[in-house]
Amino acid sequence: MAKKFDDEALKREFGTIIRTKRQKKQITQERLSELTGITVVYLRNLENGHYTATWIIWLRLCTVLELDVQGIQKKYIVPQIDKEDEKTQPLH
């Protein structure tokens, strides 16, 4: 059975990743806003898990904060297929 996604948990987790990396790099929300073109209010809502980032905003944040886009994709976005599903699903 394919993995079920918890969108609310994903929003919170991505917000935590952004905040943690931003603080580690000692970048204020205001400065990150300038670097990415994202408003401070929007950024604050992303960090608090209230908003879902669009693909473009997600890429901007990952680029500026030097986050591993591929690693985050694999862990949180790309559906994980159980071994049983692999056996029963035809490959295209």
PDB file of N, CA and C in Angstrom:
ATOM      1  N   MET A   1       0.847  -1.180   0.000  1.00  0.00           N
ATOM      2  CA  MET A   1       0.000   0.000   0.000  1.00  0.00           C
ATOM      3  C   MET A   1       0.895   1.246   0.000  1.00  0.00           C
ATOM      4  N   ALA A   2       0.556   2.218  -0.811  1.00  0.00           N
ATOM      5  CA  ALA A   2       1.336   3.443  -0.908  1.00  0.00           C
ATOM      6  C   ALA A   2       1.219   4.241   0.391  1.00  0.00           C
ATOM      7  N   LYS A   3       2.275   4.953   0.697  1.00  0.00           N
ATOM      8  CA  LYS A   3       2.329   5.775   1.904  1.00  0.00           C
ATOM      9  C   LYS A   3       1.293   6.888   1.834  1.00  0.00           C
ATOM     10  N   LYS A   4       0.584   7.104   2.924  1.00  0.00           N
ATOM     11  CA  LYS A   4      -0.380   8.192   3.020  1.00  0.00           C
ATOM     12  C   LYS A   4       0.360   9.444   3.492  1.00  0.00           C
ATOM     13  N   PHE A   5      -0.037  10.583   2.969  1.00  0.00           N
ATOM     14  CA  PHE A   5       0.608  11.832   3.335  1.00  0.00           C
ATOM     15  C   PHE A   5      -0.242  12.615   4.314  1.00  0.00           C
ATOM     16  N   ASP A   6       0.410  13.209   5.282  1.00  0.00           N
ATOM     17  CA  ASP A   6      -0.225  14.088   6.245  1.00  0.00           C
ATOM     18  C   ASP A   6       0.231  15.502   5.883  1.00  0.00           C
ATOM     19  N   ASP A   7      -0.592  16.201   5.102  1.00  0.00           N
ATOM     20  CA  ASP A   7      -0.201  17.513   4.594  1.00  0.00           C
ATOM     21  C   ASP A   7       0.094  18.517   5.707  1.00  0.00           C
ATOM     22  N   GLU A   8      -0.689  18.478   6.774  1.00  0.00           N
ATOM     23  CA  GLU A   8      -0.458  19.411   7.878  1.00  0.00           C
ATOM     24  C   GLU A   8       0.907  19.149   8.536  1.00  0.00           C
ATOM     25  N   ALA A   9       1.227  17.887   8.722  1.00  0.00           N
ATOM     26  CA  ALA A   9       2.524  17.529   9.304  1.00  0.00           C
ATOM     27  C   ALA A   9       3.657  17.935   8.370  1.00  0.00           C
ATOM     28  N   LEU A  10       3.441  17.769   7.077  1.00  0.00           N
ATOM     29  CA  LEU A  10       4.449  18.150   6.095  1.00  0.00           C
ATOM     30  C   LEU A  10       4.695  19.656   6.127  1.00  0.00           C
ATOM     31  N   LYS A  11       3.637  20.452   6.222  1.00  0.00           N
ATOM     32  CA  LYS A  11       3.790  21.906   6.310  1.00  0.00           C
ATOM     33  C   LYS A  11       4.577  22.290   7.555  1.00  0.00           C
ATOM     34  N   ARG A  12       4.251  21.671   8.682  1.00  0.00           N
ATOM     35  CA  ARG A  12       4.968  21.969   9.931  1.00  0.00           C
ATOM     36  C   ARG A  12       6.440  21.577   9.831  1.00  0.00           C
ATOM     37  N   GLU A  13       6.692  20.411   9.264  1.00  0.00           N
ATOM     38  CA  GLU A  13       8.069  19.915   9.141  1.00  0.00           C
ATOM     39  C   GLU A  13       8.893  20.819   8.228  1.00  0.00           C
ATOM     40  N   PHE A  14       8.335  21.211   7.092  1.00  0.00           N
ATOM     41  CA  PHE A  14       9.055  22.091   6.181  1.00  0.00           C
ATOM     42  C   PHE A  14       9.321  23.432   6.853  1.00  0.00           C
ATOM     43  N   GLY A  15       8.351  23.949   7.590  1.00  0.00           N
ATOM     44  CA  GLY A  15       8.542  25.205   8.324  1.00  0.00           C
ATOM     45  C   GLY A  15       9.667  25.098   9.329  1.00  0.00           C
ATOM     46  N   THR A  16       9.728  23.978  10.022  1.00  0.00           N
ATOM     47  CA  THR A  16      10.791  23.757  11.006  1.00  0.00           C
ATOM     48  C   THR A  16      12.152  23.674  10.319  1.00  0.00           C
ATOM     49  N   ILE A  17      12.199  23.005   9.181  1.00  0.00           N
ATOM     50  CA  ILE A  17      13.451  22.901   8.423  1.00  0.00           C
ATOM     51  C   ILE A  17      13.927  24.289   8.011  1.00  0.00           C
ATOM     52  N   ILE A  18      13.026  25.096   7.487  1.00  0.00           N
ATOM     53  CA  ILE A  18      13.383  26.452   7.051  1.00  0.00           C
ATOM     54  C   ILE A  18      13.894  27.272   8.230  1.00  0.00           C
ATOM     55  N   ARG A  19      13.129  27.298   9.321  1.00  0.00           N
ATOM     56  CA  ARG A  19      13.496  28.099  10.483  1.00  0.00           C
ATOM     57  C   ARG A  19      14.839  27.665  11.052  1.00  0.00           C
ATOM     58  N   THR A  20      15.024  26.364  11.216  1.00  0.00           N
ATOM     59  CA  THR A  20      16.255  25.839  11.801  1.00  0.00           C
ATOM     60  C   THR A  20      17.467  26.214  10.951  1.00  0.00           C
ATOM     61  N   LYS A  21      17.361  26.010   9.642  1.00  0.00           N
ATOM     62  CA  LYS A  21      18.481  26.322   8.745  1.00  0.00           C
ATOM     63  C   LYS A  21      18.740  27.826   8.714  1.00  0.00           C
ATOM     64  N   ARG A  22      17.687  28.627   8.682  1.00  0.00           N
ATOM     65  CA  ARG A  22      17.826  30.090   8.669  1.00  0.00           C
ATOM     66  C   ARG A  22      18.550  30.561   9.917  1.00  0.00           C
ATOM     67  N   GLN A  23      18.139  30.051  11.071  1.00  0.00           N
ATOM     68  CA  GLN A  23      18.770  30.441  12.327  1.00  0.00           C
ATOM     69  C   GLN A  23      20.212  29.956  12.399  1.00  0.00           C
ATOM     70  N   LYS A  24      20.465  28.755  11.911  1.00  0.00           N
ATOM     71  CA  LYS A  24      21.823  28.214  11.906  1.00  0.00           C
ATOM     72  C   LYS A  24      22.751  29.085  11.070  1.00  0.00           C
ATOM     73  N   LYS A  25      22.228  29.617   9.972  1.00  0.00           N
ATOM     74  CA  LYS A  25      23.013  30.481   9.098  1.00  0.00           C
ATOM     75  C   LYS A  25      23.006  31.935   9.589  1.00  0.00           C
ATOM     76  N   GLN A  26      22.318  32.174  10.703  1.00  0.00           N
ATOM     77  CA  GLN A  26      22.211  33.498  11.320  1.00  0.00           C
ATOM     78  C   GLN A  26      21.643  34.537  10.352  1.00  0.00           C
ATOM     79  N   ILE A  27      20.564  34.134   9.688  1.00  0.00           N
ATOM     80  CA  ILE A  27      19.855  35.018   8.761  1.00  0.00           C
ATOM     81  C   ILE A  27      18.513  35.376   9.401  1.00  0.00           C
ATOM     82  N   THR A  28      18.198  36.648   9.424  1.00  0.00           N
ATOM     83  CA  THR A  28      16.895  37.067   9.952  1.00  0.00           C
ATOM     84  C   THR A  28      15.808  36.781   8.921  1.00  0.00           C
ATOM     85  N   GLN A  29      14.574  36.780   9.381  1.00  0.00           N
ATOM     86  CA  GLN A  29      13.463  36.619   8.441  1.00  0.00           C
ATOM     87  C   GLN A  29      13.452  37.765   7.441  1.00  0.00           C
ATOM     88  N   GLU A  30      13.797  38.957   7.896  1.00  0.00           N
ATOM     89  CA  GLU A  30      13.822  40.116   7.012  1.00  0.00           C
ATOM     90  C   GLU A  30      14.854  39.931   5.901  1.00  0.00           C
ATOM     91  N   ARG A  31      16.039  39.438   6.270  1.00  0.00           N
ATOM     92  CA  ARG A  31      17.091  39.235   5.268  1.00  0.00           C
ATOM     93  C   ARG A  31      16.719  38.107   4.305  1.00  0.00           C
ATOM     94  N   LEU A  32      16.154  37.019   4.832  1.00  0.00           N
ATOM     95  CA  LEU A  32      15.724  35.924   3.964  1.00  0.00           C
ATOM     96  C   LEU A  32      14.638  36.403   3.014  1.00  0.00           C
ATOM     97  N   SER A  33      13.789  37.275   3.483  1.00  0.00           N
ATOM     98  CA  SER A  33      12.756  37.870   2.646  1.00  0.00           C
ATOM     99  C   SER A  33      13.390  38.628   1.482  1.00  0.00           C
ATOM    100  N   GLU A  34      14.414  39.419   1.776  1.00  0.00           N
ATOM    101  CA  GLU A  34      15.120  40.177   0.729  1.00  0.00           C
ATOM    102  C   GLU A  34      15.790  39.241  -0.274  1.00  0.00           C
ATOM    103  N   LEU A  35      16.405  38.177   0.215  1.00  0.00           N
ATOM    104  CA  LEU A  35      17.155  37.262  -0.638  1.00  0.00           C
ATOM    105  C   LEU A  35      16.258  36.414  -1.539  1.00  0.00           C
ATOM    106  N   THR A  36      15.038  36.160  -1.095  1.00  0.00           N
ATOM    107  CA  THR A  36      14.144  35.266  -1.831  1.00  0.00           C
ATOM    108  C   THR A  36      12.991  35.975  -2.528  1.00  0.00           C
ATOM    109  N   GLY A  37      12.715  37.207  -2.147  1.00  0.00           N
ATOM    110  CA  GLY A  37      11.568  37.912  -2.718  1.00  0.00           C
ATOM    111  C   GLY A  37      10.250  37.495  -2.097  1.00  0.00           C
ATOM    112  N   ILE A  38      10.324  36.808  -0.966  1.00  0.00           N
ATOM    113  CA  ILE A  38       9.135  36.353  -0.240  1.00  0.00           C
ATOM    114  C   ILE A  38       8.881  37.350   0.883  1.00  0.00           C
ATOM    115  N   THR A  39       7.642  37.764   1.070  1.00  0.00           N
ATOM    116  CA  THR A  39       7.369  38.729   2.136  1.00  0.00           C
ATOM    117  C   THR A  39       7.649  38.112   3.500  1.00  0.00           C
ATOM    118  N   VAL A  40       7.959  38.942   4.463  1.00  0.00           N
ATOM    119  CA  VAL A  40       8.227  38.479   5.821  1.00  0.00           C
ATOM    120  C   VAL A  40       7.002  37.785   6.405  1.00  0.00           C
ATOM    121  N   VAL A  41       5.832  38.321   6.138  1.00  0.00           N
ATOM    122  CA  VAL A  41       4.594  37.724   6.662  1.00  0.00           C
ATOM    123  C   VAL A  41       4.411  36.323   6.089  1.00  0.00           C
ATOM    124  N   TYR A  42       4.619  36.166   4.789  1.00  0.00           N
ATOM    125  CA  TYR A  42       4.480  34.854   4.146  1.00  0.00           C
ATOM    126  C   TYR A  42       5.513  33.890   4.711  1.00  0.00           C
ATOM    127  N   LEU A  43       6.749  34.364   4.840  1.00  0.00           N
ATOM    128  CA  LEU A  43       7.828  33.542   5.383  1.00  0.00           C
ATOM    129  C   LEU A  43       7.512  33.097   6.810  1.00  0.00           C
ATOM    130  N   ARG A  44       7.028  34.006   7.618  1.00  0.00           N
ATOM    131  CA  ARG A  44       6.659  33.677   9.001  1.00  0.00           C
ATOM    132  C   ARG A  44       5.578  32.599   9.027  1.00  0.00           C
ATOM    133  N   ASN A  45       4.598  32.725   8.145  1.00  0.00           N
ATOM    134  CA  ASN A  45       3.527  31.732   8.078  1.00  0.00           C
ATOM    135  C   ASN A  45       4.036  30.381   7.578  1.00  0.00           C
ATOM    136  N   LEU A  46       4.998  30.383   6.655  1.00  0.00           N
ATOM    137  CA  LEU A  46       5.618  29.133   6.228  1.00  0.00           C
ATOM    138  C   LEU A  46       6.347  28.473   7.387  1.00  0.00           C
ATOM    139  N   GLU A  47       7.160  29.253   8.090  1.00  0.00           N
ATOM    140  CA  GLU A  47       7.932  28.709   9.206  1.00  0.00           C
ATOM    141  C   GLU A  47       7.040  28.157  10.317  1.00  0.00           C
ATOM    142  N   ASN A  48       5.885  28.755  10.481  1.00  0.00           N
ATOM    143  CA  ASN A  48       4.961  28.295  11.521  1.00  0.00           C
ATOM    144  C   ASN A  48       4.037  27.177  11.040  1.00  0.00           C
ATOM    145  N   GLY A  49       4.219  26.742   9.789  1.00  0.00           N
ATOM    146  CA  GLY A  49       3.435  25.630   9.266  1.00  0.00           C
ATOM    147  C   GLY A  49       2.013  25.981   8.901  1.00  0.00           C
ATOM    148  N   HIS A  50       1.742  27.279   8.695  1.00  0.00           N
ATOM    149  CA  HIS A  50       0.387  27.706   8.355  1.00  0.00           C
ATOM    150  C   HIS A  50       0.144  27.723   6.849  1.00  0.00           C
ATOM    151  N   TYR A  51       1.215  27.867   6.067  1.00  0.00           N
ATOM    152  CA  TYR A  51       1.095  27.927   4.608  1.00  0.00           C
ATOM    153  C   TYR A  51       1.846  26.775   3.967  1.00  0.00           C
ATOM    154  N   THR A  52       1.432  26.462   2.752  1.00  0.00           N
ATOM    155  CA  THR A  52       2.144  25.507   1.917  1.00  0.00           C
ATOM    156  C   THR A  52       2.924  26.313   0.887  1.00  0.00           C
ATOM    157  N   ALA A  53       4.207  26.031   0.750  1.00  0.00           N
ATOM    158  CA  ALA A  53       5.028  26.752  -0.216  1.00  0.00           C
ATOM    159  C   ALA A  53       4.745  26.264  -1.633  1.00  0.00           C
ATOM    160  N   THR A  54       4.698  27.195  -2.561  1.00  0.00           N
ATOM    161  CA  THR A  54       4.603  26.797  -3.960  1.00  0.00           C
ATOM    162  C   THR A  54       5.962  26.228  -4.365  1.00  0.00           C
ATOM    163  N   TRP A  55       5.995  25.570  -5.501  1.00  0.00           N
ATOM    164  CA  TRP A  55       7.243  24.974  -5.987  1.00  0.00           C
ATOM    165  C   TRP A  55       8.333  26.039  -6.142  1.00  0.00           C
ATOM    166  N   ILE A  56       8.012  27.189  -6.690  1.00  0.00           N
ATOM    167  CA  ILE A  56       9.002  28.244  -6.908  1.00  0.00           C
ATOM    168  C   ILE A  56       9.530  28.778  -5.585  1.00  0.00           C
ATOM    169  N   ILE A  57       8.652  29.023  -4.637  1.00  0.00           N
ATOM    170  CA  ILE A  57       9.087  29.516  -3.328  1.00  0.00           C
ATOM    171  C   ILE A  57       9.922  28.463  -2.624  1.00  0.00           C
ATOM    172  N   TRP A  58       9.496  27.225  -2.726  1.00  0.00           N
ATOM    173  CA  TRP A  58      10.229  26.112  -2.128  1.00  0.00           C
ATOM    174  C   TRP A  58      11.652  26.071  -2.675  1.00  0.00           C
ATOM    175  N   LEU A  59      11.800  26.201  -3.994  1.00  0.00           N
ATOM    176  CA  LEU A  59      13.123  26.181  -4.621  1.00  0.00           C
ATOM    177  C   LEU A  59      13.962  27.393  -4.220  1.00  0.00           C
ATOM    178  N   ARG A  60      13.331  28.564  -4.144  1.00  0.00           N
ATOM    179  CA  ARG A  60      14.064  29.762  -3.713  1.00  0.00           C
ATOM    180  C   ARG A  60      14.630  29.566  -2.312  1.00  0.00           C
ATOM    181  N   LEU A  61      13.785  29.082  -1.406  1.00  0.00           N
ATOM    182  CA  LEU A  61      14.227  28.877  -0.022  1.00  0.00           C
ATOM    183  C   LEU A  61      15.339  27.838   0.054  1.00  0.00           C
ATOM    184  N   CYS A  62      15.165  26.736  -0.638  1.00  0.00           N
ATOM    185  CA  CYS A  62      16.182  25.683  -0.621  1.00  0.00           C
ATOM    186  C   CYS A  62      17.497  26.175  -1.206  1.00  0.00           C
ATOM    187  N   THR A  63      17.429  26.986  -2.245  1.00  0.00           N
ATOM    188  CA  THR A  63      18.635  27.508  -2.872  1.00  0.00           C
ATOM    189  C   THR A  63      19.366  28.461  -1.934  1.00  0.00           C
ATOM    190  N   VAL A  64      18.653  29.446  -1.412  1.00  0.00           N
ATOM    191  CA  VAL A  64      19.275  30.452  -0.543  1.00  0.00           C
ATOM    192  C   VAL A  64      19.794  29.826   0.752  1.00  0.00           C
ATOM    193  N   LEU A  65      19.034  28.892   1.325  1.00  0.00           N
ATOM    194  CA  LEU A  65      19.434  28.274   2.590  1.00  0.00           C
ATOM    195  C   LEU A  65      20.355  27.066   2.397  1.00  0.00           C
ATOM    196  N   GLU A  66      20.651  26.747   1.137  1.00  0.00           N
ATOM    197  CA  GLU A  66      21.513  25.616   0.785  1.00  0.00           C
ATOM    198  C   GLU A  66      20.986  24.306   1.377  1.00  0.00           C
ATOM    199  N   LEU A  67      19.691  24.107   1.181  1.00  0.00           N
ATOM    200  CA  LEU A  67      19.048  22.876   1.627  1.00  0.00           C
ATOM    201  C   LEU A  67      19.140  21.832   0.527  1.00  0.00           C
ATOM    202  N   ASP A  68      19.187  20.587   0.904  1.00  0.00           N
ATOM    203  CA  ASP A  68      19.267  19.476  -0.037  1.00  0.00           C
ATOM    204  C   ASP A  68      17.884  19.221  -0.636  1.00  0.00           C
ATOM    205  N   VAL A  69      17.621  19.825  -1.775  1.00  0.00           N
ATOM    206  CA  VAL A  69      16.317  19.714  -2.422  1.00  0.00           C
ATOM    207  C   VAL A  69      15.960  18.255  -2.674  1.00  0.00           C
ATOM    208  N   GLN A  70      16.885  17.514  -3.244  1.00  0.00           N
ATOM    209  CA  GLN A  70      16.613  16.119  -3.582  1.00  0.00           C
ATOM    210  C   GLN A  70      16.337  15.280  -2.338  1.00  0.00           C
ATOM    211  N   GLY A  71      17.086  15.517  -1.283  1.00  0.00           N
ATOM    212  CA  GLY A  71      16.874  14.779  -0.042  1.00  0.00           C
ATOM    213  C   GLY A  71      15.511  15.061   0.566  1.00  0.00           C
ATOM    214  N   ILE A  72      15.119  16.333   0.552  1.00  0.00           N
ATOM    215  CA  ILE A  72      13.808  16.709   1.086  1.00  0.00           C
ATOM    216  C   ILE A  72      12.709  16.103   0.226  1.00  0.00           C
ATOM    217  N   GLN A  73      12.890  16.155  -1.089  1.00  0.00           N
ATOM    218  CA  GLN A  73      11.904  15.563  -1.996  1.00  0.00           C
ATOM    219  C   GLN A  73      11.709  14.089  -1.698  1.00  0.00           C
ATOM    220  N   LYS A  74      12.801  13.375  -1.602  1.00  0.00           N
ATOM    221  CA  LYS A  74      12.709  11.937  -1.379  1.00  0.00           C
ATOM    222  C   LYS A  74      12.071  11.618  -0.039  1.00  0.00           C
ATOM    223  N   LYS A  75      12.405  12.393   0.966  1.00  0.00           N
ATOM    224  CA  LYS A  75      11.896  12.098   2.305  1.00  0.00           C
ATOM    225  C   LYS A  75      10.430  12.492   2.472  1.00  0.00           C
ATOM    226  N   TYR A  76      10.037  13.609   1.889  1.00  0.00           N
ATOM    227  CA  TYR A  76       8.711  14.143   2.184  1.00  0.00           C
ATOM    228  C   TYR A  76       7.721  14.159   1.035  1.00  0.00           C
ATOM    229  N   ILE A  77       8.180  14.142  -0.200  1.00  0.00           N
ATOM    230  CA  ILE A  77       7.263  14.370  -1.301  1.00  0.00           C
ATOM    231  C   ILE A  77       7.063  13.154  -2.188  1.00  0.00           C
ATOM    232  N   VAL A  78       8.133  12.523  -2.595  1.00  0.00           N
ATOM    233  CA  VAL A  78       8.018  11.382  -3.490  1.00  0.00           C
ATOM    234  C   VAL A  78       7.349  10.232  -2.749  1.00  0.00           C
ATOM    235  N   PRO A  79       6.259   9.707  -3.276  1.00  0.00           N
ATOM    236  CA  PRO A  79       5.576   8.603  -2.594  1.00  0.00           C
ATOM    237  C   PRO A  79       6.499   7.401  -2.412  1.00  0.00           C
ATOM    238  N   GLN A  80       6.412   6.837  -1.268  1.00  0.00           N
ATOM    239  CA  GLN A  80       7.192   5.650  -0.966  1.00  0.00           C
ATOM    240  C   GLN A  80       6.318   4.435  -1.234  1.00  0.00           C
ATOM    241  N   ILE A  81       6.839   3.495  -1.976  1.00  0.00           N
ATOM    242  CA  ILE A  81       6.082   2.294  -2.316  1.00  0.00           C
ATOM    243  C   ILE A  81       6.562   1.147  -1.441  1.00  0.00           C
ATOM    244  N   ASP A  82       5.625   0.513  -0.786  1.00  0.00           N
ATOM    245  CA  ASP A  82       5.963  -0.655   0.014  1.00  0.00           C
ATOM    246  C   ASP A  82       6.438  -1.761  -0.905  1.00  0.00           C
ATOM    247  N   LYS A  83       7.215  -2.672  -0.378  1.00  0.00           N
ATOM    248  CA  LYS A  83       7.729  -3.789  -1.162  1.00  0.00           C
ATOM    249  C   LYS A  83       6.596  -4.612  -1.769  1.00  0.00           C
ATOM    250  N   GLU A  84       5.492  -4.768  -1.069  1.00  0.00           N
ATOM    251  CA  GLU A  84       4.352  -5.519  -1.600  1.00  0.00           C
ATOM    252  C   GLU A  84       3.795  -4.842  -2.838  1.00  0.00           C
ATOM    253  N   ASP A  85       3.698  -3.509  -2.820  1.00  0.00           N
ATOM    254  CA  ASP A  85       3.191  -2.784  -3.975  1.00  0.00           C
ATOM    255  C   ASP A  85       4.101  -2.974  -5.178  1.00  0.00           C
ATOM    256  N   GLU A  86       5.404  -3.007  -4.950  1.00  0.00           N
ATOM    257  CA  GLU A  86       6.350  -3.189  -6.042  1.00  0.00           C
ATOM    258  C   GLU A  86       6.120  -4.512  -6.746  1.00  0.00           C
ATOM    259  N   LYS A  87       5.738  -5.535  -5.995  1.00  0.00           N
ATOM    260  CA  LYS A  87       5.516  -6.856  -6.574  1.00  0.00           C
ATOM    261  C   LYS A  87       4.239  -6.921  -7.404  1.00  0.00           C
ATOM    262  N   THR A  88       3.238  -6.123  -7.014  1.00  0.00           N
ATOM    263  CA  THR A  88       1.937  -6.209  -7.677  1.00  0.00           C
ATOM    264  C   THR A  88       1.731  -5.148  -8.746  1.00  0.00           C
ATOM    265  N   GLN A  89       2.529  -4.099  -8.740  1.00  0.00           N
ATOM    266  CA  GLN A  89       2.351  -3.015  -9.697  1.00  0.00           C
ATOM    267  C   GLN A  89       3.197  -3.260 -10.949  1.00  0.00           C
ATOM    268  N   PRO A  90       2.591  -3.184 -12.129  1.00  0.00           N
ATOM    269  CA  PRO A  90       3.370  -3.330 -13.355  1.00  0.00           C
ATOM    270  C   PRO A  90       4.242  -2.093 -13.570  1.00  0.00           C
ATOM    271  N   LEU A  91       5.399  -2.278 -14.122  1.00  0.00           N
ATOM    272  CA  LEU A  91       6.276  -1.166 -14.451  1.00  0.00           C
ATOM    273  C   LEU A  91       5.918  -0.639 -15.824  1.00  0.00           C
ATOM    274  N   HIS A  92       5.941   0.661 -15.987  1.00  0.00           N
ATOM    275  CA  HIS A  92       5.595   1.288 -17.269  1.00  0.00           C
ATOM    276  C   HIS A  92       6.839   1.718 -17.980  1.00  0.00           C
TER     277      HIS A  92
END
